[in-house]
């Protein structure tokens, strides 16, 4: 029997096998497709010849399963891959591709590649997984009963990571114009996040979900047109799943789940779990955002009212008192002791008026109606208060930004404004450093200058300093004000990190072991 007849016999035998079979050469070109391949794919056998069989593979598998399969063909190594095939009508066939490759090609001149249809098995498996996911997601409703937007977002992102079995997860919220307001992550160590600096601003891949109302699932996010590269020290993420959180006809936030390079891609079941979670939390997130924004507007209105009351009422009353005392001290029958006492009283009134005016300027300072943001507002305050010629250094780490609520940020911004104002008015510094960082147990804001300093035993506590202490107490924080004559001043406020009990215990152990 000659080679041609032998090849025909082999092809006839392969045609009778109830699995899809291709005969592939070392370049990946198909020389034969059996009848079952045609039945499975609904494409004529001739369309699979040459490189045509690759066009019948699902486009999403080209950079993953098909790529690994081609590499195995070139290397002559056996492999098994899960590969999706696409029929002319768009129906997806799930298959297991088995390459029994050897470096010595068989007598017919090709390597045998078999495809077994597992669509029905896969559907049953996915149905079971989805049922399990729904059962797990039923627990989510209990997690949403928390006070405060930040706590709510932390719980949601932790849940997203659990239900999709992701290595990393994050959640963002957007304002009415689609700009990212907040970004909270889970799964990345604080030390690594600190090295990365400020959190993302919603450009590139993270912001693309604002413009889409459907999930995005990528085997390799680096192949997406919106991918803009990683910052130095960033984890090598590859598989990506993004799910928009929608309410009121628009995207108010997004869930992002990723896995590292070399880990399996997200499946349709993972996408299903993430989508259901987004639907579950949409109402709670929308209500929390609305409540916070209403509170923000009310707070700003209250600040304006207080500023007007202080200016039109308190300052005018103090000014009138000063005039009365000044008129009284003009009497000729007053003793020198009484006159000195009245002079001191007038001086104190004038200082108090000056303090109140400074406080009013802080209340009336330009403040965005949007939720306060340290990364945006701290530089603004520095530019607003510190005159040119004074060197400023600002360091803000990413973890510290994501764990603070709007009220905490507002108080920290006021304390920073007051500390900077005091440094400029009383310290005559040439350099000021503002530092916001995080340890396992606290988030600390420090304002330090190299000015003339002060003597704590003799310094007068003004209205601003008193208000700083009041705000610090409201934060449940510790305020430290240090002054060394001739060596500058330091203001530091440390806020305990709000964690679940288990996390707080772990953090305490970490801090103790590192001490």
Protein backbone atom coordinates (compact mmCIF):
# COMPACT_ATOMS: atom_id res chain seq x y z
CA UNK A 1 0.00 0.00 0.00
CA UNK A 2 1.56 3.30 -1.10
CA UNK A 3 1.77 6.43 1.04
CA UNK A 4 -1.22 8.06 -0.65
CA UNK A 5 -3.45 5.05 -0.04
CA UNK A 6 -2.16 4.81 3.53
CA UNK A 7 -3.00 8.44 4.14
CA UNK A 8 -6.52 7.98 2.77
CA UNK A 9 -7.05 4.97 5.02
CA UNK A 10 -5.87 6.90 8.05
CA UNK A 11 -8.17 9.79 7.12
CA UNK A 12 -11.09 7.35 6.74
CA UNK A 13 -10.37 5.91 10.16
CA UNK A 14 -10.08 9.39 11.69
CA UNK A 15 -13.38 10.36 10.06
CA UNK A 16 -15.13 7.55 11.94
CA UNK A 17 -13.89 8.62 15.39
CA UNK A 18 -16.66 10.45 17.33
CA UNK A 19 -14.49 13.45 18.25
CA UNK A 20 -13.30 16.43 16.22
CA UNK A 21 -9.90 15.63 14.73
CA UNK A 22 -7.41 17.81 12.89
CA UNK A 23 -4.09 16.77 11.44
CA UNK A 24 -1.67 19.65 12.06
CA UNK A 25 1.85 20.15 10.76
CA UNK A 26 4.72 21.76 12.68
CA UNK A 27 3.68 25.22 11.39
CA UNK A 28 0.18 24.86 12.75
CA UNK A 29 -1.44 24.37 9.35
CA UNK A 30 -4.32 21.86 9.08
CA UNK A 31 -4.08 19.18 6.38
CA UNK A 32 -7.22 17.25 7.29
CA UNK A 33 -10.43 17.79 9.34
CA UNK A 34 -12.75 14.86 10.01
CA UNK A 35 -16.52 14.82 9.66
CA UNK A 36 -17.17 15.16 13.37
CA UNK A 37 -15.23 18.45 13.40
CA UNK A 38 -17.65 19.70 10.73
CA UNK A 39 -20.68 18.51 12.76
CA UNK A 40 -19.34 20.13 15.93
CA UNK A 41 -18.43 23.49 14.39
CA UNK A 42 -21.06 23.60 11.60
CA UNK A 43 -18.24 24.74 9.29
CA UNK A 44 -17.35 22.71 6.14
CA UNK A 45 -14.21 20.58 6.63
CA UNK A 46 -12.46 22.48 3.84
CA UNK A 47 -12.74 25.75 5.79
CA UNK A 48 -10.50 24.31 8.51
CA UNK A 49 -7.62 23.59 6.13
CA UNK A 50 -4.41 25.59 6.35
CA UNK A 51 -4.72 28.21 9.08
CA UNK A 52 -8.52 28.32 8.72
CA UNK A 53 -9.16 26.20 11.81
CA UNK A 54 -7.75 28.98 14.01
CA UNK A 55 -10.43 31.37 12.71
CA UNK A 56 -13.04 29.00 14.16
CA UNK A 57 -11.57 29.43 17.66
CA UNK A 58 -13.32 32.00 19.86
CA UNK A 59 -11.53 35.40 19.56
CA UNK A 60 -11.17 35.68 23.36
CA UNK A 61 -9.10 32.45 23.36
CA UNK A 62 -6.57 33.58 20.75
CA UNK A 63 -4.17 35.16 23.25
CA UNK A 64 -4.56 32.36 25.81
CA UNK A 65 -5.64 28.80 24.96
CA UNK A 66 -4.85 28.98 21.24
CA UNK A 67 -1.51 30.65 21.90
CA UNK A 68 -0.47 27.88 24.30
CA UNK A 69 -1.70 25.25 21.88
CA UNK A 70 0.36 26.72 19.01
CA UNK A 71 3.46 26.84 21.21
CA UNK A 72 3.01 23.16 22.09
CA UNK A 73 2.63 22.26 18.40
CA UNK A 74 5.86 24.06 17.52
CA UNK A 75 7.71 22.44 20.45
CA UNK A 76 6.27 18.98 19.80
CA UNK A 77 5.01 18.70 23.37
CA UNK A 78 1.73 17.07 24.43
CA UNK A 79 -0.81 19.36 26.06
CA UNK A 80 -4.47 19.68 27.01
CA UNK A 81 -6.31 22.99 26.69
CA UNK A 82 -9.89 24.15 27.08
CA UNK A 83 -10.74 25.89 23.79
CA UNK A 84 -13.97 27.54 22.70
CA UNK A 85 -15.10 27.18 19.07
CA UNK A 86 -17.56 29.52 17.37
CA UNK A 87 -20.23 28.32 14.94
CA UNK A 88 -21.41 30.46 11.99
CA UNK A 89 -24.54 31.39 13.98
CA UNK A 90 -22.43 32.65 16.88
CA UNK A 91 -23.10 29.71 19.19
CA UNK A 92 -20.08 28.82 21.36
CA UNK A 93 -18.95 25.21 21.63
CA UNK A 94 -16.82 24.37 24.66
CA UNK A 95 -14.18 21.74 23.90
CA UNK A 96 -11.15 20.06 25.41
CA UNK A 97 -8.28 20.04 22.91
CA UNK A 98 -5.79 17.16 23.32
CA UNK A 99 -2.47 17.28 21.50
CA UNK A 100 -0.58 13.98 21.49
CA UNK A 101 2.53 15.59 20.06
CA UNK A 102 5.93 14.04 19.47
CA UNK A 103 9.06 15.49 17.97
CA UNK A 104 9.00 12.70 15.38
CA UNK A 105 5.91 13.33 13.19
CA UNK A 106 3.74 10.32 12.31
CA UNK A 107 3.96 8.68 8.93
CA UNK A 108 1.08 10.74 7.52
CA UNK A 109 3.09 13.92 8.02
CA UNK A 110 1.06 15.61 10.76
CA UNK A 111 0.32 15.77 14.46
CA UNK A 112 -3.11 14.60 15.61
CA UNK A 113 -5.16 17.22 17.49
CA UNK A 114 -8.49 16.05 18.98
CA UNK A 115 -11.39 18.18 20.23
CA UNK A 116 -14.02 16.76 22.59
CA UNK A 117 -17.31 18.66 22.91
CA UNK A 118 -17.97 19.44 26.60
CA UNK A 119 -20.62 22.13 26.07
CA UNK A 120 -23.34 20.18 27.90
CA UNK A 121 -21.02 19.19 30.74
CA UNK A 122 -19.75 22.76 31.03
CA UNK A 123 -23.30 24.15 31.11
CA UNK A 124 -24.27 21.76 33.91
CA UNK A 125 -21.10 22.65 35.81
CA UNK A 126 -21.73 26.38 35.41
CA UNK A 127 -25.34 25.97 36.51
CA UNK A 128 -24.16 24.26 39.68
CA UNK A 129 -21.54 26.95 40.30
CA UNK A 130 -24.05 29.73 39.72
CA UNK A 131 -26.45 28.13 42.14
CA UNK A 132 -23.63 27.98 44.67
CA UNK A 133 -22.74 31.62 43.93
CA UNK A 134 -26.34 32.70 44.46
CA UNK A 135 -26.34 30.87 47.76
CA UNK A 136 -23.15 32.62 48.82
CA UNK A 137 -24.40 35.99 47.59
CA UNK A 138 -27.52 35.61 49.71
CA UNK A 139 -25.24 36.41 52.67
CA UNK A 140 -24.29 39.77 51.16
CA UNK A 141 -27.43 41.59 52.30
CA UNK A 142 -26.36 41.22 55.92
CA UNK A 143 -23.04 42.91 55.12
CA UNK A 144 -24.71 46.08 53.84
CA UNK A 145 -26.20 47.11 57.18
CA UNK A 146 -23.36 49.44 58.20
CA UNK A 147 -23.01 53.12 58.98
CA UNK A 148 -20.97 55.27 56.64
CA UNK A 149 -19.96 55.08 53.01
CA UNK A 150 -16.36 54.07 53.67
CA UNK A 151 -17.28 51.08 55.84
CA UNK A 152 -19.87 50.01 53.26
CA UNK A 153 -17.38 50.16 50.39
CA UNK A 154 -14.77 48.21 52.36
CA UNK A 155 -17.24 45.40 52.99
CA UNK A 156 -18.40 45.31 49.38
CA UNK A 157 -14.90 45.12 47.90
CA UNK A 158 -13.92 42.37 50.33
CA UNK A 159 -17.04 40.47 49.29
CA UNK A 160 -16.27 40.97 45.59
CA UNK A 161 -12.86 39.43 46.07
CA UNK A 162 -14.41 36.43 47.86
CA UNK A 163 -17.20 35.62 45.39
CA UNK A 164 -14.97 35.89 42.30
CA UNK A 165 -11.93 34.23 43.90
CA UNK A 166 -9.80 37.21 42.83
CA UNK A 167 -6.28 37.97 43.96
CA UNK A 168 -7.01 41.71 44.14
CA UNK A 169 -10.25 43.66 44.16
CA UNK A 170 -11.19 47.32 44.23
CA UNK A 171 -14.29 49.50 44.19
CA UNK A 172 -14.64 53.04 42.92
CA UNK A 173 -17.39 55.63 43.03
CA UNK A 174 -17.99 58.35 40.43
CA UNK A 175 -19.51 61.81 40.63
CA UNK A 176 -22.25 63.12 38.35
CA UNK A 177 -19.66 63.95 35.67
CA UNK A 178 -18.04 60.50 35.66
CA UNK A 179 -14.92 61.56 37.59
CA UNK A 180 -13.62 59.07 40.14
CA UNK A 181 -14.31 60.24 43.70
CA UNK A 182 -13.06 57.32 45.75
CA UNK A 183 -10.99 54.18 45.17
CA UNK A 184 -10.76 51.41 47.79
CA UNK A 185 -8.85 48.17 47.26
CA UNK A 186 -8.48 44.80 48.98
CA UNK A 187 -5.77 42.18 48.71
CA UNK A 188 -2.72 44.41 48.31
CA UNK A 189 -0.40 44.75 51.34
CA UNK A 190 -0.23 48.27 52.76
CA UNK A 191 3.56 48.34 52.33
CA UNK A 192 3.21 47.72 48.60
CA UNK A 193 0.42 50.29 48.23
CA UNK A 194 2.53 52.89 50.03
CA UNK A 195 5.32 52.40 47.52
CA UNK A 196 2.87 53.03 44.69
CA UNK A 197 1.93 56.51 45.98
CA UNK A 198 -1.44 58.13 45.25
CA UNK A 199 -4.39 55.98 44.14
CA UNK A 200 -5.57 55.98 40.51
CA UNK A 201 -7.68 58.82 39.20
CA UNK A 202 -10.00 56.82 36.96
CA UNK A 203 -8.21 57.22 33.64
CA UNK A 204 -7.42 54.26 31.39
CA UNK A 205 -8.94 50.86 32.09
CA UNK A 206 -10.30 51.74 35.55
CA UNK A 207 -12.44 54.54 34.16
CA UNK A 208 -13.69 52.79 31.06
CA UNK A 209 -16.63 51.19 32.89
CA UNK A 210 -18.17 54.65 33.33
CA UNK A 211 -18.81 54.59 29.59
CA UNK A 212 -20.17 51.02 29.56
CA UNK A 213 -23.21 49.43 31.11
CA UNK A 214 -21.92 45.86 30.84
CA UNK A 215 -19.14 43.87 32.51
CA UNK A 216 -15.71 43.64 30.89
CA UNK A 217 -13.80 40.35 31.18
CA UNK A 218 -10.25 40.08 29.85
CA UNK A 219 -7.86 37.15 29.92
CA UNK A 220 -5.01 39.67 29.78
CA UNK A 221 -5.83 43.30 30.58
CA UNK A 222 -2.49 44.38 29.08
CA UNK A 223 -3.94 43.73 25.61
CA UNK A 224 -6.78 46.24 26.08
CA UNK A 225 -6.55 49.53 24.21
CA UNK A 226 -7.06 51.50 27.44
CA UNK A 227 -4.17 49.83 29.24
CA UNK A 228 -1.61 52.52 30.11
CA UNK A 229 1.07 50.49 31.90
CA UNK A 230 1.94 49.82 35.53
CA UNK A 231 3.60 52.07 38.03
CA UNK A 232 6.92 50.87 39.43
CA UNK A 233 6.35 48.18 42.06
CA UNK A 234 2.78 47.46 40.88
CA UNK A 235 1.65 43.79 41.02
CA UNK A 236 1.85 41.93 37.71
CA UNK A 237 -1.90 41.71 37.11
CA UNK A 238 -3.24 39.84 34.10
CA UNK A 239 -6.80 38.47 34.23
CA UNK A 240 -9.34 41.29 34.69
CA UNK A 241 -13.03 41.47 35.49
CA UNK A 242 -14.78 44.82 35.70
CA UNK A 243 -18.44 45.20 36.66
CA UNK A 244 -20.28 48.56 36.69
CA UNK A 245 -22.52 49.46 39.63
CA UNK A 246 -25.52 51.24 38.13
CA UNK A 247 -28.38 53.16 39.68
CA UNK A 248 -30.74 55.78 38.31
CA UNK A 249 -29.72 55.02 34.73
CA UNK A 250 -26.02 55.78 35.19
CA UNK A 251 -22.85 54.16 36.49
CA UNK A 252 -22.22 55.32 40.06
CA UNK A 253 -19.31 52.98 40.74
CA UNK A 254 -17.40 49.96 39.56
CA UNK A 255 -16.03 46.71 40.89
CA UNK A 256 -12.61 45.61 39.64
CA UNK A 257 -11.22 42.11 40.16
CA UNK A 258 -7.81 40.94 38.95
CA UNK A 259 -5.49 37.95 39.14
CA UNK A 260 -1.75 37.85 38.80
CA UNK A 261 0.22 36.73 35.77
CA UNK A 262 0.09 32.93 35.42
CA UNK A 263 -3.19 32.55 37.34
CA UNK A 264 -6.32 31.32 35.49
CA UNK A 265 -8.61 33.74 33.71
CA UNK A 266 -12.00 34.71 35.11
CA UNK A 267 -14.89 32.56 33.92
CA UNK A 268 -18.46 33.33 32.97
CA UNK A 269 -19.45 32.12 36.42
CA UNK A 270 -17.10 34.68 38.03
CA UNK A 271 -18.66 37.35 35.84
CA UNK A 272 -22.12 36.20 36.88
CA UNK A 273 -21.20 36.39 40.58
CA UNK A 274 -19.71 39.87 40.18
CA UNK A 275 -22.74 41.10 38.23
CA UNK A 276 -25.21 39.81 40.83
CA UNK A 277 -23.15 41.41 43.60
CA UNK A 278 -23.17 44.75 41.75
CA UNK A 279 -26.96 44.55 41.43
CA UNK A 280 -27.27 43.72 45.13
CA UNK A 281 -25.20 46.65 46.36
CA UNK A 282 -26.32 49.32 43.87
CA UNK A 283 -29.18 50.63 45.99
CA UNK A 284 -27.11 50.75 49.20
CA UNK A 285 -24.19 52.52 47.50
CA UNK A 286 -26.52 55.01 45.80
CA UNK A 287 -28.27 55.82 49.10
CA UNK A 288 -24.95 56.19 50.96
CA UNK A 289 -23.55 58.50 48.27
CA UNK A 290 -26.69 60.64 48.27
CA UNK A 291 -26.70 60.88 52.06
CA UNK A 292 -23.05 61.89 52.15
CA UNK A 293 -23.48 64.54 49.47
CA UNK A 294 -26.55 65.96 51.20
CA UNK A 295 -24.58 66.09 54.42
CA UNK A 296 -21.70 67.80 52.61
CA UNK A 297 -23.96 70.52 51.20
CA UNK A 298 -25.64 71.05 54.60
CA UNK A 299 -22.25 71.29 56.28
CA UNK A 300 -21.04 73.92 53.81
CA UNK A 301 -24.25 75.92 54.28
CA UNK A 302 -23.79 75.71 58.05
CA UNK A 303 -20.21 76.94 57.74
CA UNK A 304 -21.36 80.02 55.82
CA UNK A 305 -24.05 80.72 58.42
CA UNK A 306 -21.58 80.42 61.32
CA UNK A 307 -19.12 82.71 59.53
CA UNK A 308 -21.82 85.36 59.04
CA UNK A 309 -22.96 85.08 62.66
CA UNK A 310 -19.40 85.48 63.92
CA UNK A 311 -18.78 88.48 61.70
CA UNK A 312 -22.09 90.29 62.14
CA UNK A 313 -22.66 89.34 65.77
CA UNK A 314 -19.66 88.28 67.83
CA UNK A 315 -17.02 90.56 66.26
CA UNK A 316 -19.32 93.58 66.35
CA UNK A 317 -20.10 92.93 70.01
CA UNK A 318 -16.42 92.58 70.89
CA UNK A 319 -15.59 95.70 68.91
CA UNK A 320 -18.26 97.66 70.80
CA UNK A 321 -16.91 96.35 74.11
CA UNK A 322 -13.42 97.48 73.11
CA UNK A 323 -14.69 100.98 72.30
CA UNK A 324 -16.48 101.21 75.67
CA UNK A 325 -13.37 100.12 77.56
CA UNK A 326 -11.21 102.49 75.55
CA UNK A 327 -13.58 105.37 76.34
CA UNK A 328 -13.53 104.46 80.03
CA UNK A 329 -9.74 104.41 80.19
CA UNK A 330 -9.69 108.06 79.07
CA UNK A 331 -11.03 109.20 82.44
CA UNK A 332 -8.54 111.35 84.30
CA UNK A 333 -9.39 109.94 87.76
CA UNK A 334 -8.24 106.38 86.92
CA UNK A 335 -5.25 104.99 88.74
CA UNK A 336 -2.30 103.67 86.76
CA UNK A 337 -3.07 100.09 87.83
CA UNK A 338 -6.64 100.30 86.53
CA UNK A 339 -5.47 101.90 83.30
CA UNK A 340 -2.98 99.05 82.72
CA UNK A 341 -5.72 96.50 83.40
CA UNK A 342 -7.98 98.18 80.86
CA UNK A 343 -5.12 98.30 78.33
CA UNK A 344 -4.60 94.57 78.77
CA UNK A 345 -8.33 93.92 78.30
CA UNK A 346 -8.37 95.92 75.05
CA UNK A 347 -5.31 94.01 73.82
CA UNK A 348 -7.00 90.70 74.58
CA UNK A 349 -10.19 91.75 72.80
CA UNK A 350 -8.23 92.78 69.72
CA UNK A 351 -6.37 89.44 69.72
CA UNK A 352 -9.67 87.59 70.04
CA UNK A 353 -11.13 89.59 67.15
CA UNK A 354 -8.05 88.71 65.09
CA UNK A 355 -8.45 85.00 65.95
CA UNK A 356 -12.14 85.04 65.02
CA UNK A 357 -11.39 86.77 61.71
CA UNK A 358 -8.79 84.11 60.95
CA UNK A 359 -11.33 81.42 61.80
CA UNK A 360 -13.92 83.09 59.55
CA UNK A 361 -11.45 83.13 56.67
CA UNK A 362 -11.04 79.38 57.12
CA UNK A 363 -14.79 78.82 57.17
CA UNK A 364 -15.23 80.94 54.06
CA UNK A 365 -12.25 79.45 52.22
CA UNK A 366 -13.07 78.06 48.80
CA UNK A 367 -14.14 74.46 49.36
CA UNK A 368 -15.49 72.06 46.71
CA UNK A 369 -19.09 70.97 47.15
CA UNK A 370 -17.92 67.49 46.20
CA UNK A 371 -16.68 65.13 48.86
CA UNK A 372 -13.40 66.40 50.37
CA UNK A 373 -10.31 64.63 49.13
CA UNK A 374 -6.91 64.84 50.79
CA UNK A 375 -4.89 64.24 47.63
CA UNK A 376 -6.65 67.16 45.95
CA UNK A 377 -7.36 69.54 48.84
CA UNK A 378 -4.09 69.41 50.81
CA UNK A 379 -2.05 70.85 47.90
CA UNK A 380 -4.78 73.48 47.42
CA UNK A 381 -4.58 74.55 51.07
CA UNK A 382 -0.79 74.74 50.93
CA UNK A 383 -0.93 76.95 47.82
CA UNK A 384 -3.62 79.08 49.44
CA UNK A 385 -1.82 79.72 52.74
CA UNK A 386 1.93 79.36 52.23
CA UNK A 387 3.46 82.38 50.48
CA UNK A 388 5.95 82.01 47.65
CA UNK A 389 9.54 81.69 48.77
CA UNK A 390 8.77 79.16 51.51
CA UNK A 391 9.75 75.66 50.40
CA UNK A 392 7.01 73.06 50.97
CA UNK A 393 7.20 69.27 50.89
CA UNK A 394 4.03 67.14 50.67
CA UNK A 395 3.94 63.37 51.10
CA UNK A 396 0.61 61.51 51.01
CA UNK A 397 0.51 57.70 50.86
CA UNK A 398 -2.23 55.71 49.10
CA UNK A 399 -3.47 53.56 52.02
CA UNK A 400 -4.06 56.61 54.17
CA UNK A 401 -6.35 58.12 51.55
CA UNK A 402 -8.82 55.27 51.20
CA UNK A 403 -9.71 54.58 54.84
CA UNK A 404 -10.85 58.05 55.90
CA UNK A 405 -14.47 59.19 55.77
CA UNK A 406 -15.63 62.63 54.61
CA UNK A 407 -15.94 63.97 58.15
CA UNK A 408 -12.48 62.77 59.09
CA UNK A 409 -11.00 64.31 55.96
CA UNK A 410 -12.80 67.59 56.67
CA UNK A 411 -11.38 67.74 60.19
CA UNK A 412 -7.87 66.86 59.02
CA UNK A 413 -8.02 69.60 56.37
CA UNK A 414 -9.05 72.15 58.99
CA UNK A 415 -6.24 71.07 61.33
CA UNK A 416 -3.76 71.29 58.46
CA UNK A 417 -5.04 74.76 57.55
CA UNK A 418 -4.76 75.99 61.14
CA UNK A 419 -1.29 74.48 61.65
CA UNK A 420 -0.01 76.01 58.41
CA UNK A 421 -1.54 79.38 59.26
CA UNK A 422 0.09 79.37 62.72
CA UNK A 423 3.44 78.44 61.21
CA UNK A 424 3.28 81.33 58.73
CA UNK A 425 1.99 83.92 61.22
CA UNK A 426 4.22 83.08 64.17
CA UNK A 427 7.11 80.90 63.01
CA UNK A 428 8.76 82.73 60.08
CA UNK A 429 9.81 79.39 58.53
CA UNK A 430 11.74 78.83 55.30
CA UNK A 431 10.52 75.24 54.94
CA UNK A 432 7.29 73.39 55.83
CA UNK A 433 6.68 69.64 55.46
CA UNK A 434 3.22 68.05 55.37
CA UNK A 435 3.13 64.28 55.74
CA UNK A 436 0.17 61.87 55.78
CA UNK A 437 1.07 58.24 56.33
CA UNK A 438 -0.24 55.03 57.81
CA UNK A 439 0.99 52.32 60.14
CA UNK A 440 -0.75 49.09 61.12
CA UNK A 441 -2.66 50.90 63.87
CA UNK A 442 -3.05 54.57 62.94
CA UNK A 443 -3.25 57.19 60.20
CA UNK A 444 -1.17 60.24 61.08
CA UNK A 445 -1.02 63.79 59.66
CA UNK A 446 2.11 65.77 60.56
CA UNK A 447 2.86 69.44 59.79
CA UNK A 448 6.41 70.46 60.64
CA UNK A 449 8.26 73.74 60.09
CA UNK A 450 11.80 75.00 60.69
CA UNK A 451 10.74 78.38 62.08
CA UNK A 452 11.47 80.09 65.39
CA UNK A 453 9.42 77.60 67.40
CA UNK A 454 7.82 78.49 70.74
CA UNK A 455 8.00 77.89 74.44
CA UNK A 456 5.06 75.64 75.44
CA UNK A 457 5.09 77.14 78.94
CA UNK A 458 4.36 80.67 77.73
CA UNK A 459 2.51 80.28 74.44
CA UNK A 460 -1.12 81.43 74.34
CA UNK A 461 -3.72 78.93 73.07
CA UNK A 462 -5.86 80.83 70.58
CA UNK A 463 -9.27 80.02 69.15
CA UNK A 464 -7.71 78.04 66.28
CA UNK A 465 -5.70 75.82 68.60
CA UNK A 466 -8.76 75.20 70.76
CA UNK A 467 -10.78 74.24 67.68
CA UNK A 468 -8.00 71.89 66.56
CA UNK A 469 -8.22 70.07 69.88
CA UNK A 470 -12.01 69.90 69.63
CA UNK A 471 -11.84 68.38 66.16
CA UNK A 472 -9.15 65.93 67.27
CA UNK A 473 -11.33 64.74 70.14
CA UNK A 474 -14.22 64.25 67.73
CA UNK A 475 -11.96 62.07 65.59
CA UNK A 476 -11.05 59.97 68.62
CA UNK A 477 -7.47 60.91 67.74
CA UNK A 478 -4.38 62.09 69.60
CA UNK A 479 -3.08 65.63 69.00
CA UNK A 480 0.56 66.49 69.68
CA UNK A 481 1.82 70.07 69.43
CA UNK A 482 5.57 70.45 69.96
CA UNK A 483 7.60 73.63 69.89
CA UNK A 484 11.32 74.07 70.43
CA UNK A 485 12.58 77.68 70.55
CA UNK A 486 14.81 78.26 67.55
CA UNK A 487 14.09 74.83 66.01
CA UNK A 488 10.54 75.04 64.70
CA UNK A 489 7.19 73.50 65.55
CA UNK A 490 5.40 70.21 64.88
CA UNK A 491 1.68 69.46 64.85
CA UNK A 492 0.71 65.78 64.63
CA UNK A 493 -2.73 64.21 64.75
CA UNK A 494 -3.00 60.39 64.82
CA UNK A 495 -6.31 58.65 64.03
CA UNK A 496 -6.77 55.00 65.04
CA UNK A 497 -7.53 52.83 62.02
CA UNK A 498 -11.08 51.54 61.93
CA UNK A 499 -10.99 47.79 61.27
CA UNK A 500 -12.94 44.67 61.99
CA UNK A 501 -11.97 43.06 65.29
CA UNK A 502 -10.04 40.27 63.56
CA UNK A 503 -8.08 42.76 61.44
CA UNK A 504 -7.34 44.96 64.45
CA UNK A 505 -5.94 41.95 66.34
CA UNK A 506 -3.76 40.98 63.38
CA UNK A 507 -2.50 44.55 63.03
CA UNK A 508 -1.64 44.75 66.72
CA UNK A 509 0.33 41.50 66.46
CA UNK A 510 2.15 42.80 63.38
CA UNK A 511 3.01 46.06 65.13
CA UNK A 512 4.23 44.21 68.24
CA UNK A 513 6.41 41.82 66.24
CA UNK A 514 7.92 44.68 64.29
CA UNK A 515 8.66 46.80 67.35
